[in-house]
Amino acid sequence: MNGGFGPYKVIELPGGIVISQTVTVTWFIMLLLTIFAYFASKKFDKVPNKFQNVVEVLVESIYNLTKQTMGEDKINFAPYMGTLLLFIGIANISGLFGLRPPTADVNTTLGLAIMTFVMVHYNAVKSNGIKSYLKGYLEPMPFLLPLNIIGELANPISLAFRLFGNIVGGVIIMVLLYNALGFISSSLGIGIPILQAGIPAVLHIYFDLFAGLLQSFIFTMLTMVFISMAMD
């Protein structure tokens, strides 16, 4: 996918395997999270330093959010939800650092949504049993079976395209803005990209920071709600 707004090809391996911008940025984010997890869990002091305080507040907030949303009996989902929240959050705000957000690629958001879909139905069967799980598709009336199946399949699609649409929309708007400002600068004979340096800053704060963090929170919350509903 490389049509102007899509991720460009970084490397092409033997056999036609393409490593895109999405993959490389995703690897970079995974590396950052791995390094953070290593140092965050390496040593805990009785008198915590500033870094340990930040880590403890972050972990406690994630556990509290999971407990309040899913219930205390489902607190074991907190590590996964925290990882999901951090990964999507960092992916969404990576545009602030000149990177293309992996979540602006539908392959990433669909992969995350499929993970949620699998967790929802696996835990539904695990909690309620296969008979009760299958019986739920026949309620309230058996003839609604096709609609119930379509409704379940629509959830991951909705999750994926909600996140993808919001992030890629911001990417497209910023690309168009930079191109327009570059055209204006060249038309005025300005050799230094002064307009591109200042004007887009406000929109970057909105699309990359505010909308990015908001969408990561929404995706994680919906994941928690779907799993909790399926298990109850």
C-alpha atoms as a PDB file:
ATOM      1  CA  MET A   1       0.000   0.000   0.000  1.00  0.00           C
ATOM      2  CA  ASN A   2       1.748   3.149  -1.141  1.00  0.00           C
ATOM      3  CA  GLY A   3      -0.684   5.517  -2.765  1.00  0.00           C
ATOM      4  CA  GLY A   4       0.327   8.845  -1.270  1.00  0.00           C
ATOM      5  CA  PHE A   5      -1.373   8.482   2.099  1.00  0.00           C
ATOM      6  CA  GLY A   6      -0.477   4.846   2.738  1.00  0.00           C
ATOM      7  CA  PRO A   7       2.653   3.453   4.424  1.00  0.00           C
ATOM      8  CA  TYR A   8       5.624   3.173   2.080  1.00  0.00           C
ATOM      9  CA  LYS A   9       7.812   0.128   1.565  1.00  0.00           C
ATOM     10  CA  VAL A  10      10.966   0.129   3.695  1.00  0.00           C
ATOM     11  CA  ILE A  11      12.561  -3.195   2.737  1.00  0.00           C
ATOM     12  CA  GLU A  12      11.657  -5.985   0.336  1.00  0.00           C
ATOM     13  CA  LEU A  13      13.022  -9.349   1.434  1.00  0.00           C
ATOM     14  CA  PRO A  14      13.702 -12.312  -0.862  1.00  0.00           C
ATOM     15  CA  GLY A  15      10.494 -13.999  -1.911  1.00  0.00           C
ATOM     16  CA  GLY A  16       8.611 -10.730  -2.281  1.00  0.00           C
ATOM     17  CA  ILE A  17       8.094 -10.220   1.466  1.00  0.00           C
ATOM     18  CA  VAL A  18       7.563  -6.495   1.992  1.00  0.00           C
ATOM     19  CA  ILE A  19       8.477  -4.770   5.265  1.00  0.00           C
ATOM     20  CA  SER A  20       6.372  -1.623   5.319  1.00  0.00           C
ATOM     21  CA  GLN A  21       6.588   1.548   7.370  1.00  0.00           C
ATOM     22  CA  THR A  22       3.793   0.190   9.554  1.00  0.00           C
ATOM     23  CA  VAL A  23       5.833  -2.884  10.491  1.00  0.00           C
ATOM     24  CA  THR A  24       9.036  -0.976  11.293  1.00  0.00           C
ATOM     25  CA  VAL A  25       7.269   1.609  13.473  1.00  0.00           C
ATOM     26  CA  THR A  26       5.368  -1.204  15.231  1.00  0.00           C
ATOM     27  CA  TRP A  27       8.660  -2.989  15.962  1.00  0.00           C
ATOM     28  CA  PHE A  28      10.077   0.272  17.301  1.00  0.00           C
ATOM     29  CA  ILE A  29       7.098   0.779  19.641  1.00  0.00           C
ATOM     30  CA  MET A  30       7.339  -2.838  20.823  1.00  0.00           C
ATOM     31  CA  LEU A  31      11.028  -2.289  21.572  1.00  0.00           C
ATOM     32  CA  LEU A  32      10.241   0.872  23.551  1.00  0.00           C
ATOM     33  CA  LEU A  33       7.582  -0.929  25.595  1.00  0.00           C
ATOM     34  CA  THR A  34       9.926  -3.867  26.230  1.00  0.00           C
ATOM     35  CA  ILE A  35      12.693  -1.561  27.454  1.00  0.00           C
ATOM     36  CA  PHE A  36      10.212   0.346  29.614  1.00  0.00           C
ATOM     37  CA  ALA A  37       8.850  -2.894  31.115  1.00  0.00           C
ATOM     38  CA  TYR A  38      12.376  -4.124  31.857  1.00  0.00           C
ATOM     39  CA  PHE A  39      13.470  -1.009  33.722  1.00  0.00           C
ATOM     40  CA  ALA A  40      10.048  -0.530  35.343  1.00  0.00           C
ATOM     41  CA  SER A  41      10.174  -3.990  36.928  1.00  0.00           C
ATOM     42  CA  LYS A  42      13.920  -4.291  37.490  1.00  0.00           C
ATOM     43  CA  LYS A  43      14.106  -2.857  41.003  1.00  0.00           C
ATOM     44  CA  PHE A  44      11.649  -1.524  43.563  1.00  0.00           C
ATOM     45  CA  ASP A  45      12.851   0.578  46.484  1.00  0.00           C
ATOM     46  CA  LYS A  46      11.077   1.037  49.792  1.00  0.00           C
ATOM     47  CA  VAL A  47      11.426   4.765  49.244  1.00  0.00           C
ATOM     48  CA  PRO A  48      10.376   5.095  45.583  1.00  0.00           C
ATOM     49  CA  ASN A  49      12.123   7.508  43.254  1.00  0.00           C
ATOM     50  CA  LYS A  50      10.294   9.609  40.664  1.00  0.00           C
ATOM     51  CA  PHE A  51      10.387   6.901  37.972  1.00  0.00           C
ATOM     52  CA  GLN A  52       9.043   4.271  40.360  1.00  0.00           C
ATOM     53  CA  ASN A  53       6.280   6.652  41.438  1.00  0.00           C
ATOM     54  CA  VAL A  54       5.227   7.120  37.809  1.00  0.00           C
ATOM     55  CA  VAL A  55       5.236   3.357  37.226  1.00  0.00           C
ATOM     56  CA  GLU A  56       3.204   2.660  40.376  1.00  0.00           C
ATOM     57  CA  VAL A  57       0.623   5.337  39.509  1.00  0.00           C
ATOM     58  CA  LEU A  58       0.335   3.971  35.951  1.00  0.00           C
ATOM     59  CA  VAL A  59      -0.105   0.363  37.075  1.00  0.00           C
ATOM     60  CA  GLU A  60      -2.552   1.296  39.831  1.00  0.00           C
ATOM     61  CA  SER A  61      -4.608   3.401  37.407  1.00  0.00           C
ATOM     62  CA  ILE A  62      -4.835   0.530  34.915  1.00  0.00           C
ATOM     63  CA  TYR A  63      -5.869  -1.939  37.605  1.00  0.00           C
ATOM     64  CA  ASN A  64      -8.474   0.474  38.992  1.00  0.00           C
ATOM     65  CA  LEU A  65      -9.879   1.125  35.514  1.00  0.00           C
ATOM     66  CA  THR A  66     -10.138  -2.596  34.817  1.00  0.00           C
ATOM     67  CA  LYS A  67     -11.780  -3.265  38.186  1.00  0.00           C
ATOM     68  CA  GLN A  68     -14.318  -0.460  37.761  1.00  0.00           C
ATOM     69  CA  THR A  69     -15.188  -1.427  34.185  1.00  0.00           C
ATOM     70  CA  MET A  70     -15.098  -5.229  34.303  1.00  0.00           C
ATOM     71  CA  GLY A  71     -15.548  -5.997  37.980  1.00  0.00           C
ATOM     72  CA  GLU A  72     -13.123  -7.128  40.662  1.00  0.00           C
ATOM     73  CA  ASP A  73     -13.458 -10.774  39.590  1.00  0.00           C
ATOM     74  CA  LYS A  74     -11.927  -9.912  36.196  1.00  0.00           C
ATOM     75  CA  ILE A  75      -8.913  -7.993  37.499  1.00  0.00           C
ATOM     76  CA  ASN A  76      -6.623 -10.580  35.857  1.00  0.00           C
ATOM     77  CA  PHE A  77      -7.341  -8.866  32.529  1.00  0.00           C
ATOM     78  CA  ALA A  78      -5.546  -5.710  33.715  1.00  0.00           C
ATOM     79  CA  PRO A  79      -2.073  -6.602  32.317  1.00  0.00           C
ATOM     80  CA  TYR A  80      -3.491  -7.211  28.841  1.00  0.00           C
ATOM     81  CA  MET A  81      -5.641  -4.080  28.939  1.00  0.00           C
ATOM     82  CA  GLY A  82      -2.686  -2.025  30.128  1.00  0.00           C
ATOM     83  CA  THR A  83      -0.493  -3.338  27.311  1.00  0.00           C
ATOM     84  CA  LEU A  84      -3.227  -2.657  24.778  1.00  0.00           C
ATOM     85  CA  LEU A  85      -3.768   0.870  26.082  1.00  0.00           C
ATOM     86  CA  LEU A  86      -0.063   1.711  26.075  1.00  0.00           C
ATOM     87  CA  PHE A  87       0.599   0.235  22.627  1.00  0.00           C
ATOM     88  CA  ILE A  88      -2.326   1.986  20.937  1.00  0.00           C
ATOM     89  CA  GLY A  89      -1.636   5.226  22.794  1.00  0.00           C
ATOM     90  CA  ILE A  90       2.031   5.343  21.749  1.00  0.00           C
ATOM     91  CA  ALA A  91       1.141   4.247  18.203  1.00  0.00           C
ATOM     92  CA  ASN A  92      -1.431   7.013  17.895  1.00  0.00           C
ATOM     93  CA  ILE A  93       0.857   9.799  19.125  1.00  0.00           C
ATOM     94  CA  SER A  94       3.889   8.650  17.107  1.00  0.00           C
ATOM     95  CA  GLY A  95       2.956  11.247  14.489  1.00  0.00           C
ATOM     96  CA  LEU A  96       4.198  13.909  16.907  1.00  0.00           C
ATOM     97  CA  PHE A  97       7.710  12.527  16.363  1.00  0.00           C
ATOM     98  CA  GLY A  98       7.561  12.439  12.587  1.00  0.00           C
ATOM     99  CA  LEU A  99       6.535   8.767  12.363  1.00  0.00           C
ATOM    100  CA  ARG A 100       3.510   7.368  10.592  1.00  0.00           C
ATOM    101  CA  PRO A 101       1.131   5.871  13.188  1.00  0.00           C
ATOM    102  CA  PRO A 102       0.767   2.089  12.725  1.00  0.00           C
ATOM    103  CA  THR A 103      -2.906   2.527  13.594  1.00  0.00           C
ATOM    104  CA  ALA A 104      -3.299   4.547  10.382  1.00  0.00           C
ATOM    105  CA  ASP A 105      -2.983   1.156   8.656  1.00  0.00           C
ATOM    106  CA  VAL A 106      -6.165  -0.923   8.689  1.00  0.00           C
ATOM    107  CA  ASN A 107      -4.081  -4.110   8.964  1.00  0.00           C
ATOM    108  CA  THR A 108      -2.953  -3.036  12.446  1.00  0.00           C
ATOM    109  CA  THR A 109      -6.379  -2.019  13.718  1.00  0.00           C
ATOM    110  CA  LEU A 110      -8.018  -5.120  12.246  1.00  0.00           C
ATOM    111  CA  GLY A 111      -5.391  -7.298  13.917  1.00  0.00           C
ATOM    112  CA  LEU A 112      -6.104  -5.656  17.274  1.00  0.00           C
ATOM    113  CA  ALA A 113      -9.846  -6.033  16.735  1.00  0.00           C
ATOM    114  CA  ILE A 114      -9.474  -9.737  15.875  1.00  0.00           C
ATOM    115  CA  MET A 115      -7.539 -10.230  19.117  1.00  0.00           C
ATOM    116  CA  THR A 116     -10.460  -8.658  20.991  1.00  0.00           C
ATOM    117  CA  PHE A 117     -12.946 -10.814  19.036  1.00  0.00           C
ATOM    118  CA  VAL A 118     -11.091 -14.016  19.925  1.00  0.00           C
ATOM    119  CA  MET A 119     -10.821 -13.037  23.602  1.00  0.00           C
ATOM    120  CA  VAL A 120     -14.528 -12.176  23.777  1.00  0.00           C
ATOM    121  CA  HIS A 121     -15.732 -15.519  22.430  1.00  0.00           C
ATOM    122  CA  TYR A 122     -13.081 -17.635  24.134  1.00  0.00           C
ATOM    123  CA  ASN A 123     -13.958 -16.189  27.539  1.00  0.00           C
ATOM    124  CA  ALA A 124     -17.686 -16.431  26.784  1.00  0.00           C
ATOM    125  CA  VAL A 125     -17.348 -20.179  26.189  1.00  0.00           C
ATOM    126  CA  LYS A 126     -14.991 -20.581  29.148  1.00  0.00           C
ATOM    127  CA  SER A 127     -17.336 -18.777  31.564  1.00  0.00           C
ATOM    128  CA  ASN A 128     -20.756 -19.981  30.394  1.00  0.00           C
ATOM    129  CA  GLY A 129     -20.085 -23.286  28.653  1.00  0.00           C
ATOM    130  CA  ILE A 130     -20.513 -24.137  25.002  1.00  0.00           C
ATOM    131  CA  LYS A 131     -24.238 -24.898  25.268  1.00  0.00           C
ATOM    132  CA  SER A 132     -25.118 -21.606  26.915  1.00  0.00           C
ATOM    133  CA  TYR A 133     -22.843 -19.775  24.471  1.00  0.00           C
ATOM    134  CA  LEU A 134     -24.555 -21.274  21.402  1.00  0.00           C
ATOM    135  CA  LYS A 135     -27.991 -20.835  22.963  1.00  0.00           C
ATOM    136  CA  GLY A 136     -27.348 -17.090  23.230  1.00  0.00           C
ATOM    137  CA  TYR A 137     -27.421 -16.824  19.443  1.00  0.00           C
ATOM    138  CA  LEU A 138     -31.015 -18.094  19.438  1.00  0.00           C
ATOM    139  CA  GLU A 139     -32.293 -15.451  21.849  1.00  0.00           C
ATOM    140  CA  PRO A 140     -34.747 -13.835  22.089  1.00  0.00           C
ATOM    141  CA  MET A 141     -36.132 -15.728  19.062  1.00  0.00           C
ATOM    142  CA  PRO A 142     -34.479 -18.550  17.064  1.00  0.00           C
ATOM    143  CA  PHE A 143     -35.183 -16.857  13.720  1.00  0.00           C
ATOM    144  CA  LEU A 144     -32.884 -14.011  14.789  1.00  0.00           C
ATOM    145  CA  LEU A 145     -29.843 -16.321  14.543  1.00  0.00           C
ATOM    146  CA  PRO A 146     -28.507 -14.709  11.314  1.00  0.00           C
ATOM    147  CA  LEU A 147     -28.852 -11.208  12.784  1.00  0.00           C
ATOM    148  CA  ASN A 148     -27.116 -12.255  16.006  1.00  0.00           C
ATOM    149  CA  ILE A 149     -24.209 -13.723  14.040  1.00  0.00           C
ATOM    150  CA  ILE A 150     -23.933 -10.587  11.883  1.00  0.00           C
ATOM    151  CA  GLY A 151     -24.011  -8.449  15.034  1.00  0.00           C
ATOM    152  CA  GLU A 152     -21.106 -10.376  16.552  1.00  0.00           C
ATOM    153  CA  LEU A 153     -19.079 -10.132  13.339  1.00  0.00           C
ATOM    154  CA  ALA A 154     -19.805  -6.407  13.130  1.00  0.00           C
ATOM    155  CA  ASN A 155     -18.144  -5.693  16.478  1.00  0.00           C
ATOM    156  CA  PRO A 156     -14.514  -6.272  15.395  1.00  0.00           C
ATOM    157  CA  ILE A 157     -15.128  -4.493  12.097  1.00  0.00           C
ATOM    158  CA  SER A 158     -16.569  -1.504  13.955  1.00  0.00           C
ATOM    159  CA  LEU A 159     -13.657  -1.491  16.416  1.00  0.00           C
ATOM    160  CA  ALA A 160     -11.060  -1.686  13.648  1.00  0.00           C
ATOM    161  CA  PHE A 161     -12.512   0.958  11.366  1.00  0.00           C
ATOM    162  CA  ARG A 162     -13.365   3.402  14.159  1.00  0.00           C
ATOM    163  CA  LEU A 163      -9.732   3.507  15.263  1.00  0.00           C
ATOM    164  CA  PHE A 164      -8.364   3.388  11.712  1.00  0.00           C
ATOM    165  CA  GLY A 165     -10.711   6.084  10.418  1.00  0.00           C
ATOM    166  CA  ASN A 166      -9.928   8.559  13.177  1.00  0.00           C
ATOM    167  CA  ILE A 167      -6.163   8.151  12.922  1.00  0.00           C
ATOM    168  CA  VAL A 168      -5.819   7.975   9.134  1.00  0.00           C
ATOM    169  CA  GLY A 169      -8.178  10.958   8.824  1.00  0.00           C
ATOM    170  CA  GLY A 170      -5.774  13.026  10.894  1.00  0.00           C
ATOM    171  CA  VAL A 171      -2.809  11.800   8.835  1.00  0.00           C
ATOM    172  CA  ILE A 172      -4.511  12.771   5.571  1.00  0.00           C
ATOM    173  CA  ILE A 173      -5.477  16.210   6.847  1.00  0.00           C
ATOM    174  CA  MET A 174      -1.922  16.891   8.032  1.00  0.00           C
ATOM    175  CA  VAL A 175      -0.400  15.734   4.731  1.00  0.00           C
ATOM    176  CA  LEU A 176      -2.766  17.990   2.793  1.00  0.00           C
ATOM    177  CA  LEU A 177      -1.997  20.893   5.129  1.00  0.00           C
ATOM    178  CA  TYR A 178       1.772  20.485   4.765  1.00  0.00           C
ATOM    179  CA  ASN A 179       1.452  20.282   0.983  1.00  0.00           C
ATOM    180  CA  ALA A 180      -0.735  23.391   0.892  1.00  0.00           C
ATOM    181  CA  LEU A 181       1.629  25.356   3.126  1.00  0.00           C
ATOM    182  CA  GLY A 182       4.583  24.229   1.021  1.00  0.00           C
ATOM    183  CA  PHE A 183       2.818  25.431  -2.121  1.00  0.00           C
ATOM    184  CA  ILE A 184       2.039  28.795  -0.491  1.00  0.00           C
ATOM    185  CA  SER A 185       5.652  29.169   0.671  1.00  0.00           C
ATOM    186  CA  SER A 186       7.015  28.469  -2.808  1.00  0.00           C
ATOM    187  CA  SER A 187       4.447  30.804  -4.388  1.00  0.00           C
ATOM    188  CA  LEU A 188       5.585  33.620  -2.076  1.00  0.00           C
ATOM    189  CA  GLY A 189       9.207  32.864  -2.807  1.00  0.00           C
ATOM    190  CA  ILE A 190       9.977  31.832   0.780  1.00  0.00           C
ATOM    191  CA  GLY A 191      12.905  29.433   0.755  1.00  0.00           C
ATOM    192  CA  ILE A 192      12.668  28.483   4.440  1.00  0.00           C
ATOM    193  CA  PRO A 193       9.570  26.401   5.401  1.00  0.00           C
ATOM    194  CA  ILE A 194       8.406  28.898   8.023  1.00  0.00           C
ATOM    195  CA  LEU A 195       4.700  28.207   7.501  1.00  0.00           C
ATOM    196  CA  GLN A 196       5.118  24.432   7.918  1.00  0.00           C
ATOM    197  CA  ALA A 197       7.020  24.930  11.165  1.00  0.00           C
ATOM    198  CA  GLY A 198       4.385  26.859  13.098  1.00  0.00           C
ATOM    199  CA  ILE A 199       0.858  26.563  11.728  1.00  0.00           C
ATOM    200  CA  PRO A 200       0.435  22.737  11.901  1.00  0.00           C
ATOM    201  CA  ALA A 201       1.459  22.596  15.588  1.00  0.00           C
ATOM    202  CA  VAL A 202      -2.074  23.174  16.900  1.00  0.00           C
ATOM    203  CA  LEU A 203      -3.542  20.498  14.626  1.00  0.00           C
ATOM    204  CA  HIS A 204      -0.799  18.067  15.633  1.00  0.00           C
ATOM    205  CA  ILE A 205      -1.782  18.570  19.264  1.00  0.00           C
ATOM    206  CA  TYR A 206      -5.409  17.788  18.418  1.00  0.00           C
ATOM    207  CA  PHE A 207      -5.052  14.899  15.936  1.00  0.00           C
ATOM    208  CA  ASP A 208      -1.969  13.206  17.376  1.00  0.00           C
ATOM    209  CA  LEU A 209      -2.201  13.923  21.089  1.00  0.00           C
ATOM    210  CA  PHE A 210      -5.839  14.544  22.056  1.00  0.00           C
ATOM    211  CA  ALA A 211      -7.623  12.374  19.471  1.00  0.00           C
ATOM    212  CA  GLY A 212      -4.881   9.742  19.585  1.00  0.00           C
ATOM    213  CA  LEU A 213      -5.046   9.216  23.341  1.00  0.00           C
ATOM    214  CA  LEU A 214      -8.836   9.409  23.293  1.00  0.00           C
ATOM    215  CA  GLN A 215      -9.106   6.687  20.638  1.00  0.00           C
ATOM    216  CA  SER A 216      -6.712   4.424  22.527  1.00  0.00           C
ATOM    217  CA  PHE A 217      -8.872   4.819  25.633  1.00  0.00           C
ATOM    218  CA  ILE A 218     -12.087   4.131  23.672  1.00  0.00           C
ATOM    219  CA  PHE A 219     -10.690   0.991  22.038  1.00  0.00           C
ATOM    220  CA  THR A 220      -9.486  -0.388  25.366  1.00  0.00           C
ATOM    221  CA  MET A 221     -12.736   0.461  27.139  1.00  0.00           C
ATOM    222  CA  LEU A 222     -14.824  -1.222  24.429  1.00  0.00           C
ATOM    223  CA  THR A 223     -12.585  -4.291  24.649  1.00  0.00           C
ATOM    224  CA  MET A 224     -13.186  -4.468  28.397  1.00  0.00           C
ATOM    225  CA  VAL A 225     -16.947  -3.957  28.008  1.00  0.00           C
ATOM    226  CA  PHE A 226     -17.296  -6.610  25.273  1.00  0.00           C
ATOM    227  CA  ILE A 227     -15.345  -9.214  27.252  1.00  0.00           C
ATOM    228  CA  SER A 228     -17.188  -8.436  30.479  1.00  0.00           C
ATOM    229  CA  MET A 229     -20.601  -8.666  28.804  1.00  0.00           C
ATOM    230  CA  ALA A 230     -19.694 -11.960  27.141  1.00  0.00           C
ATOM    231  CA  MET A 231     -18.643 -13.500  30.456  1.00  0.00           C
ATOM    232  CA  ASP A 232     -21.680 -12.369  32.479  1.00  0.00           C
END
